[in-house]
């Protein structure tokens, strides 16, 4: 399973990135300049679910 980010729900808070033990998630500006979570290193994901639990907007799922 790899984390998926719903860009419509993501507010770029960064709680997911901070909670990730393997530094899989980056926070980057999208084409509108809004901060969003990006799964930058999916192969490093250990499927712990910390990012899902940390996201207050429920923008991340493990699929």
PDB file of N, CA and C in Angstrom:
ATOM      1  N   UNK A   1       0.835  -1.185   0.000  1.00  0.00           N
ATOM      2  CA  UNK A   1       0.000   0.000   0.000  1.00  0.00           C
ATOM      3  C   UNK A   1       0.881   1.250   0.000  1.00  0.00           C
ATOM      4  N   UNK A   2       0.399   2.241  -0.692  1.00  0.00           N
ATOM      5  CA  UNK A   2       1.112   3.510  -0.789  1.00  0.00           C
ATOM      6  C   UNK A   2       0.152   4.623  -0.383  1.00  0.00           C
ATOM      7  N   UNK A   3       0.611   5.616   0.368  1.00  0.00           N
ATOM      8  CA  UNK A   3      -0.275   6.723   0.726  1.00  0.00           C
ATOM      9  C   UNK A   3      -0.730   7.489  -0.512  1.00  0.00           C
ATOM     10  N   UNK A   4      -1.984   7.876  -0.496  1.00  0.00           N
ATOM     11  CA  UNK A   4      -2.556   8.707  -1.555  1.00  0.00           C
ATOM     12  C   UNK A   4      -3.079   9.980  -0.900  1.00  0.00           C
ATOM     13  N   UNK A   5      -2.843  11.116  -1.547  1.00  0.00           N
ATOM     14  CA  UNK A   5      -3.284  12.402  -1.024  1.00  0.00           C
ATOM     15  C   UNK A   5      -4.421  12.933  -1.881  1.00  0.00           C
ATOM     16  N   UNK A   6      -5.541  13.255  -1.237  1.00  0.00           N
ATOM     17  CA  UNK A   6      -6.653  13.924  -1.911  1.00  0.00           C
ATOM     18  C   UNK A   6      -6.337  15.415  -1.889  1.00  0.00           C
ATOM     19  N   UNK A   7      -5.920  15.948  -3.027  1.00  0.00           N
ATOM     20  CA  UNK A   7      -5.484  17.348  -3.105  1.00  0.00           C
ATOM     21  C   UNK A   7      -6.617  18.321  -2.775  1.00  0.00           C
ATOM     22  N   UNK A   8      -7.870  17.886  -2.942  1.00  0.00           N
ATOM     23  CA  UNK A   8      -9.001  18.752  -2.615  1.00  0.00           C
ATOM     24  C   UNK A   8      -9.189  18.898  -1.111  1.00  0.00           C
ATOM     25  N   UNK A   9      -8.779  17.893  -0.356  1.00  0.00           N
ATOM     26  CA  UNK A   9      -8.903  17.938   1.104  1.00  0.00           C
ATOM     27  C   UNK A   9      -7.643  18.453   1.788  1.00  0.00           C
ATOM     28  N   UNK A  10      -6.487  18.273   1.150  1.00  0.00           N
ATOM     29  CA  UNK A  10      -5.207  18.625   1.767  1.00  0.00           C
ATOM     30  C   UNK A  10      -5.075  20.134   1.922  1.00  0.00           C
ATOM     31  N   UNK A  11      -4.715  20.562   3.128  1.00  0.00           N
ATOM     32  CA  UNK A  11      -4.501  21.980   3.414  1.00  0.00           C
ATOM     33  C   UNK A  11      -3.027  22.303   3.620  1.00  0.00           C
ATOM     34  N   UNK A  12      -2.149  21.332   3.403  1.00  0.00           N
ATOM     35  CA  UNK A  12      -0.714  21.569   3.497  1.00  0.00           C
ATOM     36  C   UNK A  12      -0.219  21.889   4.888  1.00  0.00           C
ATOM     37  N   UNK A  13      -0.897  21.380   5.896  1.00  0.00           N
ATOM     38  CA  UNK A  13      -0.543  21.644   7.293  1.00  0.00           C
ATOM     39  C   UNK A  13       0.811  21.039   7.641  1.00  0.00           C
ATOM     40  N   UNK A  14       1.087  19.865   7.107  1.00  0.00           N
ATOM     41  CA  UNK A  14       2.373  19.213   7.327  1.00  0.00           C
ATOM     42  C   UNK A  14       2.403  18.201   8.451  1.00  0.00           C
ATOM     43  N   UNK A  15       1.265  17.959   9.094  1.00  0.00           N
ATOM     44  CA  UNK A  15       1.230  16.978  10.181  1.00  0.00           C
ATOM     45  C   UNK A  15       1.613  15.590   9.676  1.00  0.00           C
ATOM     46  N   UNK A  16       1.222  15.270   8.476  1.00  0.00           N
ATOM     47  CA  UNK A  16       1.550  13.964   7.896  1.00  0.00           C
ATOM     48  C   UNK A  16       3.054  13.816   7.712  1.00  0.00           C
ATOM     49  N   UNK A  17       3.673  14.840   7.161  1.00  0.00           N
ATOM     50  CA  UNK A  17       5.121  14.800   6.920  1.00  0.00           C
ATOM     51  C   UNK A  17       5.888  14.689   8.229  1.00  0.00           C
ATOM     52  N   UNK A  18       5.445  15.418   9.236  1.00  0.00           N
ATOM     53  CA  UNK A  18       6.115  15.373  10.542  1.00  0.00           C
ATOM     54  C   UNK A  18       5.972  14.010  11.200  1.00  0.00           C
ATOM     55  N   UNK A  19       4.868  13.321  10.938  1.00  0.00           N
ATOM     56  CA  UNK A  19       4.612  12.036  11.593  1.00  0.00           C
ATOM     57  C   UNK A  19       5.288  10.859  10.897  1.00  0.00           C
ATOM     58  N   UNK A  20       5.774  11.060   9.686  1.00  0.00           N
ATOM     59  CA  UNK A  20       6.324   9.959   8.893  1.00  0.00           C
ATOM     60  C   UNK A  20       7.732   9.585   9.358  1.00  0.00           C
ATOM     61  N   UNK A  21       7.924   8.336   9.800  1.00  0.00           N
ATOM     62  CA  UNK A  21       9.242   7.930  10.299  1.00  0.00           C
ATOM     63  C   UNK A  21      10.287   7.721   9.200  1.00  0.00           C
ATOM     64  N   UNK A  22       9.843   7.630   7.940  1.00  0.00           N
ATOM     65  CA  UNK A  22      10.790   7.380   6.853  1.00  0.00           C
ATOM     66  C   UNK A  22      10.861   8.531   5.850  1.00  0.00           C
ATOM     67  N   UNK A  23      10.315   9.692   6.204  1.00  0.00           N
ATOM     68  CA  UNK A  23      10.441  10.912   5.395  1.00  0.00           C
ATOM     69  C   UNK A  23       9.933  10.719   3.967  1.00  0.00           C
ATOM     70  N   UNK A  24       8.763  10.091   3.837  1.00  0.00           N
ATOM     71  CA  UNK A  24       8.171   9.816   2.532  1.00  0.00           C
ATOM     72  C   UNK A  24       7.482  11.051   1.947  1.00  0.00           C
ATOM     73  N   UNK A  25       6.985  11.930   2.816  1.00  0.00           N
ATOM     74  CA  UNK A  25       6.116  13.027   2.392  1.00  0.00           C
ATOM     75  C   UNK A  25       6.845  14.367   2.428  1.00  0.00           C
ATOM     76  N   UNK A  26       6.679  15.124   1.347  1.00  0.00           N
ATOM     77  CA  UNK A  26       7.160  16.503   1.280  1.00  0.00           C
ATOM     78  C   UNK A  26       5.953  17.436   1.209  1.00  0.00           C
ATOM     79  N   UNK A  27       6.143  18.680   1.599  1.00  0.00           N
ATOM     80  CA  UNK A  27       5.123  19.712   1.442  1.00  0.00           C
ATOM     81  C   UNK A  27       5.627  20.657   0.358  1.00  0.00           C
ATOM     82  N   UNK A  28       4.830  20.793  -0.706  1.00  0.00           N
ATOM     83  CA  UNK A  28       5.240  21.612  -1.844  1.00  0.00           C
ATOM     84  C   UNK A  28       4.076  22.488  -2.299  1.00  0.00           C
ATOM     85  N   UNK A  29       4.399  23.583  -2.951  1.00  0.00           N
ATOM     86  CA  UNK A  29       3.377  24.455  -3.524  1.00  0.00           C
ATOM     87  C   UNK A  29       2.855  23.837  -4.821  1.00  0.00           C
ATOM     88  N   UNK A  30       1.530  23.882  -4.988  1.00  0.00           N
ATOM     89  CA  UNK A  30       0.949  23.395  -6.236  1.00  0.00           C
ATOM     90  C   UNK A  30       0.959  24.516  -7.277  1.00  0.00           C
ATOM     91  N   UNK A  31       0.296  24.297  -8.395  1.00  0.00           N
ATOM     92  CA  UNK A  31       0.307  25.271  -9.482  1.00  0.00           C
ATOM     93  C   UNK A  31      -0.344  26.607  -9.104  1.00  0.00           C
ATOM     94  N   UNK A  32      -1.167  26.601  -8.048  1.00  0.00           N
ATOM     95  CA  UNK A  32      -1.806  27.830  -7.567  1.00  0.00           C
ATOM     96  C   UNK A  32      -1.039  28.475  -6.421  1.00  0.00           C
ATOM     97  N   UNK A  33       0.052  27.850  -6.014  1.00  0.00           N
ATOM     98  CA  UNK A  33       0.834  28.369  -4.900  1.00  0.00           C
ATOM     99  C   UNK A  33       0.367  27.882  -3.538  1.00  0.00           C
ATOM    100  N   UNK A  34      -0.641  27.001  -3.519  1.00  0.00           N
ATOM    101  CA  UNK A  34      -1.140  26.438  -2.266  1.00  0.00           C
ATOM    102  C   UNK A  34      -0.249  25.282  -1.837  1.00  0.00           C
ATOM    103  N   UNK A  35       0.051  25.199  -0.549  1.00  0.00           N
ATOM    104  CA  UNK A  35       0.867  24.100  -0.038  1.00  0.00           C
ATOM    105  C   UNK A  35       0.056  22.815   0.001  1.00  0.00           C
ATOM    106  N   UNK A  36       0.662  21.728  -0.445  1.00  0.00           N
ATOM    107  CA  UNK A  36       0.025  20.417  -0.476  1.00  0.00           C
ATOM    108  C   UNK A  36       1.046  19.345  -0.124  1.00  0.00           C
ATOM    109  N   UNK A  37       0.564  18.252   0.439  1.00  0.00           N
ATOM    110  CA  UNK A  37       1.418  17.095   0.711  1.00  0.00           C
ATOM    111  C   UNK A  37       1.672  16.342  -0.587  1.00  0.00           C
ATOM    112  N   UNK A  38       2.905  15.879  -0.749  1.00  0.00           N
ATOM    113  CA  UNK A  38       3.305  15.126  -1.936  1.00  0.00           C
ATOM    114  C   UNK A  38       4.015  13.862  -1.468  1.00  0.00           C
ATOM    115  N   UNK A  39       3.591  12.719  -1.997  1.00  0.00           N
ATOM    116  CA  UNK A  39       4.254  11.456  -1.684  1.00  0.00           C
ATOM    117  C   UNK A  39       5.503  11.396  -2.562  1.00  0.00           C
ATOM    118  N   UNK A  40       6.613  11.869  -2.015  1.00  0.00           N
ATOM    119  CA  UNK A  40       7.840  12.054  -2.787  1.00  0.00           C
ATOM    120  C   UNK A  40       8.692  10.790  -2.896  1.00  0.00           C
ATOM    121  N   UNK A  41       8.622   9.934  -1.887  1.00  0.00           N
ATOM    122  CA  UNK A  41       9.447   8.721  -1.871  1.00  0.00           C
ATOM    123  C   UNK A  41       8.585   7.506  -1.495  1.00  0.00           C
ATOM    124  N   UNK A  42       7.650   7.110  -2.369  1.00  0.00           N
ATOM    125  CA  UNK A  42       6.720   6.027  -2.029  1.00  0.00           C
ATOM    126  C   UNK A  42       7.392   4.694  -1.730  1.00  0.00           C
ATOM    127  N   UNK A  43       8.534   4.432  -2.332  1.00  0.00           N
ATOM    128  CA  UNK A  43       9.224   3.157  -2.092  1.00  0.00           C
ATOM    129  C   UNK A  43       9.762   3.045  -0.669  1.00  0.00           C
ATOM    130  N   UNK A  44       9.877   4.177   0.029  1.00  0.00           N
ATOM    131  CA  UNK A  44      10.370   4.166   1.407  1.00  0.00           C
ATOM    132  C   UNK A  44       9.258   3.976   2.437  1.00  0.00           C
ATOM    133  N   UNK A  45       8.005   3.972   1.989  1.00  0.00           N
ATOM    134  CA  UNK A  45       6.866   3.852   2.907  1.00  0.00           C
ATOM    135  C   UNK A  45       6.865   2.480   3.584  1.00  0.00           C
ATOM    136  N   UNK A  46       6.680   2.484   4.909  1.00  0.00           N
ATOM    137  CA  UNK A  46       6.613   1.238   5.676  1.00  0.00           C
ATOM    138  C   UNK A  46       5.177   0.909   6.089  1.00  0.00           C
ATOM    139  N   UNK A  47       4.211   1.647   5.533  1.00  0.00           N
ATOM    140  CA  UNK A  47       2.786   1.392   5.741  1.00  0.00           C
ATOM    141  C   UNK A  47       2.374   1.442   7.205  1.00  0.00           C
ATOM    142  N   UNK A  48       2.975   2.350   7.969  1.00  0.00           N
ATOM    143  CA  UNK A  48       2.672   2.439   9.398  1.00  0.00           C
ATOM    144  C   UNK A  48       1.331   3.121   9.678  1.00  0.00           C
ATOM    145  N   UNK A  49       0.861   3.961   8.749  1.00  0.00           N
ATOM    146  CA  UNK A  49      -0.406   4.656   8.934  1.00  0.00           C
ATOM    147  C   UNK A  49      -0.323   5.928   9.752  1.00  0.00           C
ATOM    148  N   UNK A  50       0.871   6.319  10.166  1.00  0.00           N
ATOM    149  CA  UNK A  50       1.011   7.547  10.956  1.00  0.00           C
ATOM    150  C   UNK A  50       0.469   8.756  10.211  1.00  0.00           C
ATOM    151  N   UNK A  51       0.720   8.831   8.917  1.00  0.00           N
ATOM    152  CA  UNK A  51       0.268   9.975   8.128  1.00  0.00           C
ATOM    153  C   UNK A  51      -1.258  10.049   8.088  1.00  0.00           C
ATOM    154  N   UNK A  52      -1.902   8.902   7.950  1.00  0.00           N
ATOM    155  CA  UNK A  52      -3.364   8.850   7.929  1.00  0.00           C
ATOM    156  C   UNK A  52      -3.915   9.344   9.259  1.00  0.00           C
ATOM    157  N   UNK A  53      -3.351   8.858  10.351  1.00  0.00           N
ATOM    158  CA  UNK A  53      -3.808   9.250  11.685  1.00  0.00           C
ATOM    159  C   UNK A  53      -3.535  10.716  11.983  1.00  0.00           C
ATOM    160  N   UNK A  54      -2.451  11.263  11.451  1.00  0.00           N
ATOM    161  CA  UNK A  54      -2.053  12.638  11.765  1.00  0.00           C
ATOM    162  C   UNK A  54      -2.838  13.686  10.986  1.00  0.00           C
ATOM    163  N   UNK A  55      -3.407  13.324   9.867  1.00  0.00           N
ATOM    164  CA  UNK A  55      -4.056  14.307   8.995  1.00  0.00           C
ATOM    165  C   UNK A  55      -5.415  14.736   9.549  1.00  0.00           C
ATOM    166  N   UNK A  56      -5.550  16.017   9.936  1.00  0.00           N
ATOM    167  CA  UNK A  56      -6.819  16.474  10.508  1.00  0.00           C
ATOM    168  C   UNK A  56      -7.934  16.634   9.476  1.00  0.00           C
ATOM    169  N   UNK A  57      -7.595  16.657   8.192  1.00  0.00           N
ATOM    170  CA  UNK A  57      -8.616  16.815   7.157  1.00  0.00           C
ATOM    171  C   UNK A  57      -8.940  15.506   6.441  1.00  0.00           C
ATOM    172  N   UNK A  58      -8.360  14.406   6.921  1.00  0.00           N
ATOM    173  CA  UNK A  58      -8.580  13.073   6.341  1.00  0.00           C
ATOM    174  C   UNK A  58      -8.268  13.050   4.843  1.00  0.00           C
ATOM    175  N   UNK A  59      -7.180  13.725   4.463  1.00  0.00           N
ATOM    176  CA  UNK A  59      -6.800  13.819   3.056  1.00  0.00           C
ATOM    177  C   UNK A  59      -5.907  12.673   2.602  1.00  0.00           C
ATOM    178  N   UNK A  60      -5.446  11.840   3.530  1.00  0.00           N
ATOM    179  CA  UNK A  60      -4.526  10.756   3.162  1.00  0.00           C
ATOM    180  C   UNK A  60      -5.157   9.400   3.449  1.00  0.00           C
ATOM    181  N   UNK A  61      -4.998   8.507   2.484  1.00  0.00           N
ATOM    182  CA  UNK A  61      -5.430   7.122   2.648  1.00  0.00           C
ATOM    183  C   UNK A  61      -4.274   6.215   2.244  1.00  0.00           C
ATOM    184  N   UNK A  62      -4.297   5.001   2.745  1.00  0.00           N
ATOM    185  CA  UNK A  62      -3.331   3.981   2.318  1.00  0.00           C
ATOM    186  C   UNK A  62      -4.060   3.022   1.389  1.00  0.00           C
ATOM    187  N   UNK A  63      -3.674   3.019   0.122  1.00  0.00           N
ATOM    188  CA  UNK A  63      -4.318   2.147  -0.877  1.00  0.00           C
ATOM    189  C   UNK A  63      -3.318   1.187  -1.462  1.00  0.00           C
TER     190      UNK A  63
END
